[in-house]
Amino acid sequence: MESFPFPADLVQAQLAWHAAYRDLAAPRPRHTTALRRRLLVLSVRIQWHPFWSTPGGGVPAARVELRRLARRQGQLEARTA
């Protein structure tokens, strides 16, 4: 598996995206409009991040690896909390 030098703000945005999505997917979520707006804002921030214009970020595998990295970090944070 390749390792990509993701900027911290990009990883944090992906972590926040996963958290908002998880909150929205919960049974009877509260504040659904705010959560949907948050997902939209985070999606745009992730999609248009300058990292994707770099040589390392120009490959599709980088997007997949970012999601995997954020998922792993989110699981680790949930275990320690």
N, C-alpha and C. Protein backbone atom coordinates (compact mmCIF):
# COMPACT_ATOMS: atom_id res chain seq x y z
N MET A 1 0.84 -1.17 0.00
CA MET A 1 0.00 0.00 0.00
C MET A 1 0.90 1.24 0.00
N GLU A 2 0.52 2.20 -0.82
CA GLU A 2 1.28 3.44 -0.91
C GLU A 2 1.00 4.33 0.30
N SER A 3 1.96 5.15 0.62
CA SER A 3 1.78 6.12 1.69
C SER A 3 1.83 7.51 1.08
N PHE A 4 0.84 8.31 1.36
CA PHE A 4 0.76 9.65 0.82
C PHE A 4 0.96 10.67 1.94
N PRO A 5 1.67 11.76 1.65
CA PRO A 5 1.91 12.79 2.67
C PRO A 5 0.72 13.75 2.79
N PHE A 6 -0.37 13.28 3.37
CA PHE A 6 -1.57 14.11 3.48
C PHE A 6 -1.36 15.25 4.46
N PRO A 7 -1.79 16.46 4.09
CA PRO A 7 -1.73 17.58 5.04
C PRO A 7 -2.71 17.35 6.19
N ALA A 8 -2.37 17.85 7.35
CA ALA A 8 -3.19 17.63 8.54
C ALA A 8 -4.60 18.18 8.37
N ASP A 9 -4.76 19.34 7.70
CA ASP A 9 -6.10 19.92 7.56
C ASP A 9 -6.98 19.06 6.65
N LEU A 10 -6.38 18.39 5.69
CA LEU A 10 -7.15 17.50 4.81
C LEU A 10 -7.62 16.26 5.58
N VAL A 11 -6.75 15.70 6.39
CA VAL A 11 -7.12 14.54 7.21
C VAL A 11 -8.21 14.93 8.20
N GLN A 12 -8.07 16.10 8.83
CA GLN A 12 -9.08 16.56 9.78
C GLN A 12 -10.44 16.77 9.11
N ALA A 13 -10.43 17.30 7.90
CA ALA A 13 -11.68 17.49 7.16
C ALA A 13 -12.32 16.15 6.86
N GLN A 14 -11.52 15.15 6.49
CA GLN A 14 -12.07 13.82 6.21
C GLN A 14 -12.61 13.18 7.48
N LEU A 15 -11.91 13.36 8.61
CA LEU A 15 -12.40 12.85 9.89
C LEU A 15 -13.74 13.50 10.26
N ALA A 16 -13.84 14.80 10.07
CA ALA A 16 -15.07 15.51 10.37
C ALA A 16 -16.20 15.06 9.44
N TRP A 17 -15.86 14.77 8.18
CA TRP A 17 -16.86 14.29 7.23
C TRP A 17 -17.42 12.95 7.69
N HIS A 18 -16.53 12.04 8.12
CA HIS A 18 -16.99 10.73 8.61
C HIS A 18 -17.87 10.89 9.85
N ALA A 19 -17.51 11.79 10.74
CA ALA A 19 -18.30 12.01 11.95
C ALA A 19 -19.68 12.56 11.62
N ALA A 20 -19.75 13.52 10.72
CA ALA A 20 -21.04 14.09 10.33
C ALA A 20 -21.90 13.04 9.63
N TYR A 21 -21.30 12.24 8.78
CA TYR A 21 -22.04 11.19 8.08
C TYR A 21 -22.58 10.16 9.07
N ARG A 22 -21.75 9.79 10.05
CA ARG A 22 -22.17 8.84 11.07
C ARG A 22 -23.33 9.41 11.88
N ASP A 23 -23.26 10.69 12.23
CA ASP A 23 -24.34 11.33 12.97
C ASP A 23 -25.63 11.37 12.15
N LEU A 24 -25.51 11.63 10.87
CA LEU A 24 -26.68 11.69 10.00
C LEU A 24 -27.29 10.31 9.79
N ALA A 25 -26.47 9.27 9.82
CA ALA A 25 -26.94 7.90 9.59
C ALA A 25 -27.57 7.28 10.83
N ALA A 26 -27.44 7.92 11.97
CA ALA A 26 -28.02 7.39 13.20
C ALA A 26 -29.54 7.38 13.11
N PRO A 27 -30.18 6.49 13.84
CA PRO A 27 -31.64 6.48 13.85
C PRO A 27 -32.19 7.80 14.41
N ARG A 28 -33.12 8.38 13.71
CA ARG A 28 -33.76 9.64 14.11
C ARG A 28 -32.73 10.73 14.45
N PRO A 29 -31.91 11.08 13.50
CA PRO A 29 -30.89 12.11 13.79
C PRO A 29 -31.54 13.47 14.06
N ARG A 30 -30.90 14.24 14.88
CA ARG A 30 -31.36 15.60 15.16
C ARG A 30 -30.58 16.55 14.27
N HIS A 31 -31.18 17.65 13.94
CA HIS A 31 -30.52 18.70 13.16
C HIS A 31 -30.05 18.18 11.79
N THR A 32 -30.92 17.48 11.09
CA THR A 32 -30.52 16.87 9.81
C THR A 32 -30.10 17.91 8.79
N THR A 33 -30.78 19.05 8.76
CA THR A 33 -30.40 20.08 7.79
C THR A 33 -28.99 20.58 8.05
N ALA A 34 -28.67 20.83 9.30
CA ALA A 34 -27.32 21.30 9.64
C ALA A 34 -26.27 20.24 9.31
N LEU A 35 -26.59 18.97 9.56
CA LEU A 35 -25.64 17.91 9.25
C LEU A 35 -25.43 17.78 7.74
N ARG A 36 -26.50 17.91 6.98
CA ARG A 36 -26.36 17.84 5.51
C ARG A 36 -25.53 19.01 4.99
N ARG A 37 -25.76 20.18 5.54
CA ARG A 37 -24.96 21.34 5.13
C ARG A 37 -23.49 21.13 5.50
N ARG A 38 -23.26 20.58 6.67
CA ARG A 38 -21.88 20.31 7.10
C ARG A 38 -21.20 19.33 6.15
N LEU A 39 -21.93 18.26 5.77
CA LEU A 39 -21.38 17.31 4.82
C LEU A 39 -21.04 17.97 3.50
N LEU A 40 -21.90 18.84 3.04
CA LEU A 40 -21.67 19.54 1.77
C LEU A 40 -20.43 20.43 1.86
N VAL A 41 -20.31 21.20 2.92
CA VAL A 41 -19.15 22.08 3.10
C VAL A 41 -17.86 21.26 3.18
N LEU A 42 -17.89 20.19 3.96
CA LEU A 42 -16.70 19.36 4.09
C LEU A 42 -16.36 18.65 2.78
N SER A 43 -17.37 18.22 2.04
CA SER A 43 -17.13 17.58 0.75
C SER A 43 -16.43 18.52 -0.22
N VAL A 44 -16.88 19.77 -0.24
CA VAL A 44 -16.25 20.77 -1.11
C VAL A 44 -14.83 21.05 -0.65
N ARG A 45 -14.63 21.18 0.65
CA ARG A 45 -13.29 21.44 1.19
C ARG A 45 -12.33 20.30 0.83
N ILE A 46 -12.79 19.07 0.93
CA ILE A 46 -11.95 17.91 0.60
C ILE A 46 -11.71 17.84 -0.90
N GLN A 47 -12.76 17.98 -1.69
CA GLN A 47 -12.65 17.86 -3.15
C GLN A 47 -11.68 18.88 -3.75
N TRP A 48 -11.71 20.12 -3.26
CA TRP A 48 -10.93 21.19 -3.87
C TRP A 48 -9.67 21.53 -3.08
N HIS A 49 -9.24 20.66 -2.21
CA HIS A 49 -8.03 20.90 -1.43
C HIS A 49 -6.83 20.96 -2.38
N PRO A 50 -5.89 21.89 -2.14
CA PRO A 50 -4.71 22.01 -3.01
C PRO A 50 -3.86 20.74 -3.11
N PHE A 51 -3.95 19.86 -2.13
CA PHE A 51 -3.16 18.63 -2.18
C PHE A 51 -3.42 17.83 -3.45
N TRP A 52 -4.65 17.85 -3.94
CA TRP A 52 -5.00 17.04 -5.12
C TRP A 52 -4.31 17.55 -6.39
N SER A 53 -3.77 18.75 -6.36
CA SER A 53 -3.05 19.30 -7.52
C SER A 53 -1.56 18.93 -7.51
N THR A 54 -1.10 18.33 -6.44
CA THR A 54 0.31 17.94 -6.37
C THR A 54 0.51 16.60 -7.08
N PRO A 55 1.75 16.28 -7.45
CA PRO A 55 1.99 14.99 -8.11
C PRO A 55 1.53 13.78 -7.29
N GLY A 56 1.73 13.82 -5.99
CA GLY A 56 1.31 12.71 -5.14
C GLY A 56 -0.19 12.61 -4.97
N GLY A 57 -0.88 13.72 -5.11
CA GLY A 57 -2.32 13.73 -4.91
C GLY A 57 -3.11 13.52 -6.18
N GLY A 58 -2.42 13.44 -7.30
CA GLY A 58 -3.11 13.32 -8.58
C GLY A 58 -3.56 11.93 -8.95
N VAL A 59 -3.31 10.95 -8.10
CA VAL A 59 -3.70 9.58 -8.42
C VAL A 59 -4.97 9.20 -7.65
N PRO A 60 -5.86 8.43 -8.27
CA PRO A 60 -7.10 8.05 -7.58
C PRO A 60 -6.86 7.29 -6.28
N ALA A 61 -5.77 6.55 -6.21
CA ALA A 61 -5.48 5.78 -4.99
C ALA A 61 -5.30 6.68 -3.77
N ALA A 62 -4.90 7.92 -3.99
CA ALA A 62 -4.70 8.84 -2.87
C ALA A 62 -6.03 9.15 -2.18
N ARG A 63 -7.09 9.30 -2.94
CA ARG A 63 -8.41 9.57 -2.34
C ARG A 63 -8.89 8.38 -1.52
N VAL A 64 -8.67 7.19 -2.05
CA VAL A 64 -9.06 5.98 -1.33
C VAL A 64 -8.25 5.87 -0.04
N GLU A 65 -6.97 6.12 -0.12
CA GLU A 65 -6.10 6.03 1.06
C GLU A 65 -6.48 7.07 2.11
N LEU A 66 -6.88 8.26 1.69
CA LEU A 66 -7.32 9.28 2.64
C LEU A 66 -8.54 8.78 3.42
N ARG A 67 -9.51 8.20 2.73
CA ARG A 67 -10.70 7.69 3.41
C ARG A 67 -10.34 6.56 4.37
N ARG A 68 -9.44 5.67 3.95
CA ARG A 68 -9.02 4.58 4.83
C ARG A 68 -8.29 5.11 6.07
N LEU A 69 -7.40 6.06 5.85
CA LEU A 69 -6.66 6.65 6.95
C LEU A 69 -7.60 7.29 7.96
N ALA A 70 -8.55 8.06 7.48
CA ALA A 70 -9.51 8.74 8.37
C ALA A 70 -10.37 7.72 9.11
N ARG A 71 -10.77 6.67 8.42
CA ARG A 71 -11.58 5.63 9.07
C ARG A 71 -10.79 4.97 10.20
N ARG A 72 -9.52 4.64 9.93
CA ARG A 72 -8.67 4.02 10.97
C ARG A 72 -8.47 4.96 12.16
N GLN A 73 -8.17 6.22 11.87
CA GLN A 73 -7.96 7.19 12.95
C GLN A 73 -9.25 7.39 13.76
N GLY A 74 -10.37 7.43 13.08
CA GLY A 74 -11.65 7.58 13.76
C GLY A 74 -11.95 6.41 14.66
N GLN A 75 -11.61 5.20 14.21
CA GLN A 75 -11.82 4.00 15.04
C GLN A 75 -10.90 4.02 16.24
N LEU A 76 -9.66 4.45 16.05
CA LEU A 76 -8.72 4.53 17.18
C LEU A 76 -9.18 5.56 18.21
N GLU A 77 -9.66 6.69 17.74
CA GLU A 77 -10.12 7.73 18.66
C GLU A 77 -11.36 7.27 19.43
N ALA A 78 -12.22 6.51 18.76
CA ALA A 78 -13.42 6.01 19.43
C ALA A 78 -13.06 5.01 20.53
N ARG A 79 -12.02 4.23 20.30
CA ARG A 79 -11.60 3.24 21.31
C ARG A 79 -10.99 3.89 22.54
N THR A 80 -10.27 4.99 22.32
CA THR A 80 -9.60 5.64 23.44
C THR A 80 -10.50 6.62 24.19
N ALA A 81 -11.62 6.95 23.61
CA ALA A 81 -12.53 7.91 24.25
C ALA A 81 -13.41 7.26 25.28
